[in-house]
Protein backbone atom coordinates (compact mmCIF):
# COMPACT_ATOMS: atom_id res chain seq x y z
CA MET A 1 -39.29 -59.81 61.76
CA LYS A 2 -40.94 -61.76 58.99
CA PRO A 3 -39.35 -64.44 56.82
CA VAL A 4 -38.39 -63.72 53.24
CA GLU A 5 -40.53 -65.45 50.62
CA ILE A 6 -38.95 -68.72 49.42
CA TRP A 7 -38.85 -69.84 45.80
CA SER A 8 -37.77 -73.23 44.49
CA ALA A 9 -36.48 -71.57 41.31
CA VAL A 10 -33.94 -73.25 39.08
CA ASP A 11 -31.02 -71.67 37.25
CA GLU A 12 -32.53 -70.80 33.88
CA PRO A 13 -32.39 -67.77 31.56
CA GLN A 14 -35.95 -66.72 32.45
CA LEU A 15 -35.02 -66.23 36.11
CA LYS A 16 -33.42 -62.81 35.55
CA ALA A 17 -36.63 -61.31 34.16
CA ARG A 18 -38.71 -62.87 36.96
CA LEU A 19 -36.44 -61.38 39.61
CA ALA A 20 -36.45 -57.92 38.07
CA GLN A 21 -40.23 -57.84 38.48
CA CYS A 22 -40.03 -58.57 42.22
CA ALA A 23 -40.52 -55.60 44.52
CA GLN A 24 -39.41 -57.58 47.58
CA PRO A 25 -36.50 -59.91 48.44
CA VAL A 26 -36.74 -63.58 47.52
CA LEU A 27 -34.82 -66.56 48.93
CA LEU A 28 -33.93 -68.99 46.13
CA LYS A 29 -33.57 -72.29 47.94
CA GLY A 30 -30.82 -74.51 46.53
CA LEU A 31 -30.25 -72.38 43.43
CA VAL A 32 -26.53 -73.25 43.20
CA VAL A 33 -26.47 -76.36 45.39
CA ASP A 34 -24.98 -78.41 42.52
CA TRP A 35 -21.93 -76.19 42.14
CA PRO A 36 -18.65 -78.09 42.68
CA ALA A 37 -17.56 -75.22 44.94
CA VAL A 38 -20.54 -75.85 47.24
CA HIS A 39 -19.62 -79.55 47.45
CA ALA A 40 -16.00 -78.66 48.22
CA GLY A 41 -17.07 -76.31 51.00
CA ARG A 42 -19.08 -79.06 52.67
CA GLN A 43 -16.16 -81.50 52.86
CA THR A 44 -13.96 -79.82 55.50
CA VAL A 45 -13.76 -76.46 57.27
CA LEU A 46 -11.10 -75.28 54.84
CA GLY A 47 -12.41 -77.25 51.88
CA ILE A 48 -13.48 -74.11 50.05
CA CYS A 49 -10.01 -72.57 50.50
CA ASP A 50 -8.38 -75.65 48.98
CA TYR A 51 -10.83 -75.42 46.11
CA LEU A 52 -10.19 -71.71 45.48
CA GLY A 53 -6.45 -72.33 45.56
CA ARG A 54 -6.77 -74.22 42.28
CA PHE A 55 -7.75 -70.99 40.51
CA ASP A 56 -5.51 -68.54 42.39
CA ARG A 57 -3.19 -66.53 40.12
CA GLY A 58 -1.52 -64.40 42.79
CA VAL A 59 -3.68 -61.30 42.29
CA GLU A 60 -4.06 -59.18 45.41
CA VAL A 61 -7.36 -58.76 47.24
CA LEU A 62 -8.46 -56.05 49.66
CA ALA A 63 -8.55 -57.59 53.13
CA THR A 64 -10.47 -56.14 56.08
CA LYS A 65 -9.67 -56.84 59.75
CA THR A 66 -11.84 -55.58 62.60
CA ARG A 67 -10.47 -54.07 65.79
CA ALA A 68 -11.21 -55.75 69.13
CA ALA A 69 -13.80 -53.15 70.13
CA ALA A 70 -15.77 -53.78 66.96
CA ARG A 71 -17.21 -57.08 68.22
CA GLY A 72 -17.05 -58.55 64.74
CA VAL A 73 -18.77 -55.66 62.98
CA MET A 74 -17.28 -53.76 60.05
CA GLY A 75 -18.56 -50.33 61.01
CA TYR A 76 -17.79 -47.09 62.82
CA ASN A 77 -16.34 -46.69 66.29
CA GLU A 78 -18.62 -45.65 69.16
CA ALA A 79 -17.84 -41.94 68.77
CA LEU A 80 -18.35 -42.02 64.96
CA THR A 81 -14.91 -40.51 64.44
CA ASP A 82 -13.26 -43.45 62.64
CA PHE A 83 -13.81 -46.97 61.38
CA ASP A 84 -13.49 -50.00 63.63
CA PHE A 85 -11.39 -51.92 61.11
CA VAL A 86 -8.24 -51.67 59.03
CA LYS A 87 -7.59 -52.62 55.41
CA ALA A 88 -4.58 -54.10 53.65
CA ARG A 89 -3.80 -55.57 50.26
CA MET A 90 -2.46 -59.12 50.06
CA THR A 91 -2.64 -62.12 47.78
CA LEU A 92 -5.50 -64.54 48.14
CA ALA A 93 -3.08 -67.21 49.38
CA GLU A 94 -1.81 -64.89 52.11
CA PHE A 95 -5.36 -64.06 53.14
CA MET A 96 -6.37 -67.72 53.33
CA ALA A 97 -3.30 -68.39 55.49
CA HIS A 98 -4.59 -65.77 57.97
CA LEU A 99 -8.02 -67.39 57.85
CA GLN A 100 -6.52 -70.77 58.70
CA ALA A 101 -4.36 -69.34 61.51
CA TYR A 102 -7.42 -67.80 63.19
CA LEU A 103 -9.48 -71.02 63.10
CA PRO A 104 -8.45 -72.40 66.53
CA LEU A 105 -8.38 -69.04 68.30
CA ASP A 106 -11.19 -67.87 70.55
CA GLY A 107 -11.88 -64.18 70.12
CA ALA A 108 -9.94 -63.96 66.86
CA PRO A 109 -10.50 -60.78 64.85
CA SER A 110 -13.02 -60.87 62.04
CA ILE A 111 -11.41 -60.78 58.61
CA ALA A 112 -12.76 -60.72 55.08
CA ALA A 113 -11.59 -60.43 51.50
CA GLN A 114 -14.41 -58.32 50.11
CA CYS A 115 -15.82 -57.56 46.69
CA ALA A 116 -13.01 -59.25 44.76
CA LYS A 117 -13.64 -59.83 41.06
CA VAL A 118 -13.94 -63.53 40.34
CA SER A 119 -12.62 -63.08 36.80
CA GLU A 120 -9.47 -61.32 38.03
CA VAL A 121 -8.53 -63.24 41.18
CA ILE A 122 -9.82 -66.77 40.55
CA PRO A 123 -10.28 -67.07 36.77
CA GLY A 124 -11.67 -70.44 35.87
CA PHE A 125 -14.04 -70.56 38.83
CA LEU A 126 -17.02 -69.69 36.64
CA ASP A 127 -16.18 -72.43 34.15
CA GLU A 128 -16.98 -74.98 36.86
CA ASN A 129 -19.64 -72.93 38.65
CA PRO A 130 -21.71 -71.09 36.01
CA LEU A 131 -24.97 -69.22 36.52
CA ARG A 132 -27.05 -69.48 33.36
CA ALA A 133 -29.59 -66.96 34.65
CA LEU A 134 -27.11 -64.07 34.45
CA PRO A 135 -24.95 -64.51 31.34
CA GLY A 136 -22.27 -61.87 30.98
CA VAL A 137 -22.60 -60.59 34.57
CA VAL A 138 -19.17 -60.73 36.24
CA PRO A 139 -19.61 -61.70 39.91
CA ASN A 140 -17.64 -60.79 43.03
CA PHE A 141 -16.60 -63.00 45.92
CA TRP A 142 -16.59 -62.36 49.66
CA LEU A 143 -14.44 -64.74 51.73
CA GLY A 144 -13.85 -64.59 55.47
CA ASN A 145 -14.75 -65.76 58.95
CA ALA A 146 -17.58 -64.58 61.22
CA LEU A 147 -18.21 -60.93 60.29
CA THR A 148 -21.22 -58.62 60.23
CA VAL A 149 -21.63 -55.91 57.61
CA PRO A 150 -24.08 -53.30 58.97
CA VAL A 151 -27.22 -52.13 57.22
CA HIS A 152 -26.52 -50.65 53.78
CA HIS A 153 -28.02 -50.68 50.29
CA ASP A 154 -26.89 -51.15 46.71
CA HIS A 155 -28.17 -49.39 43.60
CA PRO A 156 -28.19 -52.35 41.14
CA TYR A 157 -30.12 -55.60 41.27
CA ASN A 158 -28.31 -58.07 43.53
CA LEU A 159 -28.24 -61.88 43.58
CA ALA A 160 -26.07 -63.26 46.40
CA CYS A 161 -25.18 -66.97 46.44
CA VAL A 162 -23.89 -68.68 49.59
CA VAL A 163 -21.17 -71.16 48.65
CA ALA A 164 -19.65 -72.07 52.04
CA GLY A 165 -20.78 -71.40 55.60
CA ARG A 166 -24.10 -69.80 56.51
CA ARG A 167 -25.26 -66.20 56.20
CA ARG A 168 -28.14 -64.32 57.76
CA PHE A 169 -29.66 -61.39 55.89
CA THR A 170 -31.81 -58.80 57.66
CA LEU A 171 -33.59 -56.60 55.15
CA PHE A 172 -35.48 -53.31 55.26
CA ALA A 173 -37.61 -51.64 52.60
CA PRO A 174 -36.27 -48.33 51.20
CA GLN A 175 -39.09 -46.50 53.00
CA GLN A 176 -37.38 -47.33 56.32
CA VAL A 177 -34.44 -45.04 55.51
CA GLY A 178 -35.49 -42.50 58.15
CA ASN A 179 -35.47 -45.17 60.88
CA LEU A 180 -32.08 -46.71 60.06
CA TYR A 181 -29.75 -43.84 61.06
CA ILE A 182 -27.62 -44.01 57.93
CA GLY A 183 -24.15 -42.53 58.40
CA PRO A 184 -22.19 -40.12 56.18
CA LEU A 185 -22.88 -40.42 52.46
CA GLU A 186 -19.23 -39.78 51.56
CA HIS A 187 -17.21 -41.15 54.50
CA THR A 188 -18.17 -44.79 54.10
CA PRO A 189 -16.42 -48.12 54.77
CA SER A 190 -16.45 -49.27 51.16
CA GLY A 191 -18.59 -46.94 49.07
CA ALA A 192 -22.08 -47.71 50.35
CA PRO A 193 -23.37 -45.62 53.28
CA ILE A 194 -24.11 -47.79 56.33
CA SER A 195 -26.21 -47.54 59.47
CA VAL A 196 -24.37 -46.29 62.55
CA VAL A 197 -26.48 -48.50 64.84
CA HIS A 198 -24.54 -51.47 66.21
CA PRO A 199 -26.34 -54.49 64.76
CA GLN A 200 -25.70 -56.81 67.70
CA ALA A 201 -26.34 -54.37 70.54
CA PRO A 202 -28.47 -51.47 69.27
CA ASP A 203 -28.63 -48.47 71.59
CA PHE A 204 -32.35 -47.68 71.48
CA GLU A 205 -31.98 -44.64 73.71
CA ARG A 206 -29.58 -43.09 71.22
CA TYR A 207 -31.39 -44.46 68.14
CA PRO A 208 -35.05 -44.91 69.16
CA ARG A 209 -36.51 -45.12 65.64
CA TYR A 210 -34.46 -48.25 64.98
CA ARG A 211 -37.09 -50.23 66.91
CA GLU A 212 -39.62 -49.34 64.23
CA ALA A 213 -37.23 -50.45 61.50
CA LEU A 214 -36.68 -53.81 63.19
CA ALA A 215 -40.42 -54.32 63.58
CA SER A 216 -40.77 -54.08 59.79
CA ALA A 217 -37.67 -56.10 58.90
CA TRP A 218 -37.44 -59.26 56.83
CA VAL A 219 -34.97 -62.03 57.66
CA ALA A 220 -33.48 -64.98 55.77
CA GLU A 221 -30.83 -67.50 56.79
CA LEU A 222 -29.03 -69.11 53.90
CA ALA A 223 -27.26 -72.47 53.82
CA PRO A 224 -24.63 -73.44 51.24
CA GLY A 225 -26.26 -73.55 47.82
CA ASP A 226 -28.97 -71.00 48.66
CA ALA A 227 -29.23 -67.57 47.07
CA ILE A 228 -31.09 -64.37 47.87
CA TYR A 229 -32.36 -61.72 45.50
CA ILE A 230 -32.22 -58.16 46.86
CA PRO A 231 -34.06 -55.48 44.85
CA PRO A 232 -32.32 -52.14 44.22
CA LEU A 233 -32.18 -49.79 47.23
CA TRP A 234 -33.38 -52.41 49.71
CA PHE A 235 -31.32 -52.05 52.88
CA HIS A 236 -29.67 -55.22 54.17
CA GLN A 237 -27.42 -56.36 56.99
CA VAL A 238 -25.26 -59.41 56.27
CA GLU A 239 -23.93 -61.75 58.96
CA ALA A 240 -21.38 -64.43 58.06
CA LEU A 241 -21.98 -67.05 60.74
CA GLU A 242 -19.18 -69.63 60.40
CA LYS A 243 -15.41 -69.68 60.79
CA VAL A 244 -15.09 -69.92 57.01
CA ASN A 245 -17.67 -68.37 54.67
CA LEU A 246 -17.76 -67.71 50.93
CA LEU A 247 -20.40 -65.71 49.09
CA ILE A 248 -20.56 -65.02 45.35
CA ASN A 249 -22.72 -62.06 44.36
CA TYR A 250 -23.95 -60.72 41.04
CA TRP A 251 -24.85 -57.07 40.49
CA TRP A 252 -26.52 -55.97 37.28
CA PRO A 253 -27.73 -52.45 36.51
CA VAL A 254 -31.25 -51.10 36.41
CA ALA A 255 -32.06 -50.07 32.86
CA GLY A 256 -32.19 -46.31 32.40
CA ALA A 257 -31.39 -43.60 29.92
CA PRO A 258 -27.62 -43.91 29.32
CA GLU A 259 -27.21 -40.19 28.59
CA LEU A 260 -28.55 -39.20 32.03
CA PRO A 261 -26.60 -39.14 35.31
CA ALA A 262 -27.07 -41.95 37.80
CA PRO A 263 -29.89 -41.41 40.32
CA ALA A 264 -27.36 -41.43 43.16
CA HIS A 265 -25.53 -38.48 41.60
CA ALA A 266 -28.80 -36.61 41.17
CA LEU A 267 -29.62 -37.26 44.83
CA LEU A 268 -26.26 -35.94 46.05
CA GLN A 269 -26.54 -32.85 43.89
CA ALA A 270 -30.07 -32.17 45.13
CA ILE A 271 -28.92 -32.51 48.75
CA GLN A 272 -26.05 -30.08 48.23
CA VAL A 273 -28.24 -27.49 46.50
CA LEU A 274 -31.29 -27.68 48.76
CA ASN A 275 -29.31 -27.77 52.00
CA ALA A 276 -27.97 -24.32 51.12
CA LEU A 277 -31.50 -22.87 51.09
CA PRO A 278 -33.57 -21.47 53.97
CA ALA A 279 -35.95 -23.93 55.62
CA ALA A 280 -39.06 -22.42 54.02
CA GLN A 281 -37.54 -22.80 50.58
CA ARG A 282 -36.55 -26.41 51.30
CA ASP A 283 -40.16 -27.15 52.22
CA ALA A 284 -41.36 -25.53 49.02
CA TRP A 285 -38.93 -27.52 46.90
CA ALA A 286 -39.94 -30.71 48.74
CA ALA A 287 -43.46 -30.19 47.39
CA MET A 288 -42.04 -29.67 43.89
CA PHE A 289 -39.98 -32.88 44.10
CA GLU A 290 -42.95 -34.84 45.45
CA HIS A 291 -45.16 -33.67 42.58
CA HIS A 292 -42.79 -33.62 39.61
CA VAL A 293 -40.23 -36.31 40.50
CA VAL A 294 -41.87 -38.83 42.83
CA GLN A 295 -45.26 -38.53 41.09
CA ARG A 296 -46.95 -40.60 43.78
CA GLU A 297 -50.32 -38.85 44.00
CA GLN A 298 -51.01 -37.80 40.41
CA ASP A 299 -49.58 -37.62 36.92
CA PRO A 300 -48.03 -34.13 36.62
CA ALA A 301 -48.27 -34.29 32.82
CA GLY A 302 -51.71 -35.83 32.44
CA HIS A 303 -53.31 -32.53 31.44
CA ILE A 304 -50.56 -31.53 28.97
CA PRO A 305 -50.60 -32.51 25.27
CA GLN A 306 -48.06 -35.27 24.69
CA ALA A 307 -45.97 -33.20 22.28
CA TRP A 308 -45.35 -30.63 25.05
CA GLN A 309 -44.80 -32.93 28.03
CA GLY A 310 -41.01 -32.76 27.75
CA VAL A 311 -39.11 -34.38 30.64
CA LEU A 312 -42.36 -35.19 32.41
CA ALA A 313 -43.13 -37.75 29.70
CA ARG A 314 -40.06 -39.83 30.48
CA ARG A 315 -41.92 -42.17 32.83
CA ARG A 316 -44.80 -42.91 30.49
């Protein structure tokens, strides 16, 4: 694995445009180190919980709890017939009480309140902990103990800020998709398809191409106050390493034509249609997609007058 490039960037409006031009992940050292929440998290193990309690308005969060066999991973069971975790709705205060109760226990289950809207659950947090680089982007928070989220990807731009605890990110370029053994596209833990390979004990006999993915991987370990930028479609595995961890993440969309369907919808539709065809026809359509859609080797409209280029002119 190779380390992610490190920037000493500051929180300023120009940062968003700089990040959007990056084709690879970037670790932003100390980007939010001056946040009061980061200072609170450094004081005591539960300091961040006490801090969040000031903003709690009793709104429920979706809490995840892993089963014993999961070994701290929020993924599938060994047979790929079910998930290795359960979910329940509870207030933030109730969740933090569980987090506190598990602190002294060895072998406690991994728990997390995931993807909760900051503006809904802890309004006021952003007044004390603003991010000038992303005005108007409503962030989410991820609170829990030691938990690993397997390899997955997101469609928007992603800036993840570690507020309390430490997190390790293992990242893979989109071109590694064939080596990552991504699970069902519809039957997912929380919307994003994930790798079925156990991140802590990969079975290389069952998933041999995963070795190649690991050989190309990038890795970054973030301390409180650090942030990481993850470009769209980059696969990433996230490990929360402490007994109490808080991450705030910002997603913002990739600009596209608003009247067109999302690329993910186009992908699913293409899969459904092409999978119904004979193999020879799938191969033929693969060539058509490579030429007209991917456009890697040549411009499919370069020889056509501009007025007649139609949909092929959209990328120009």
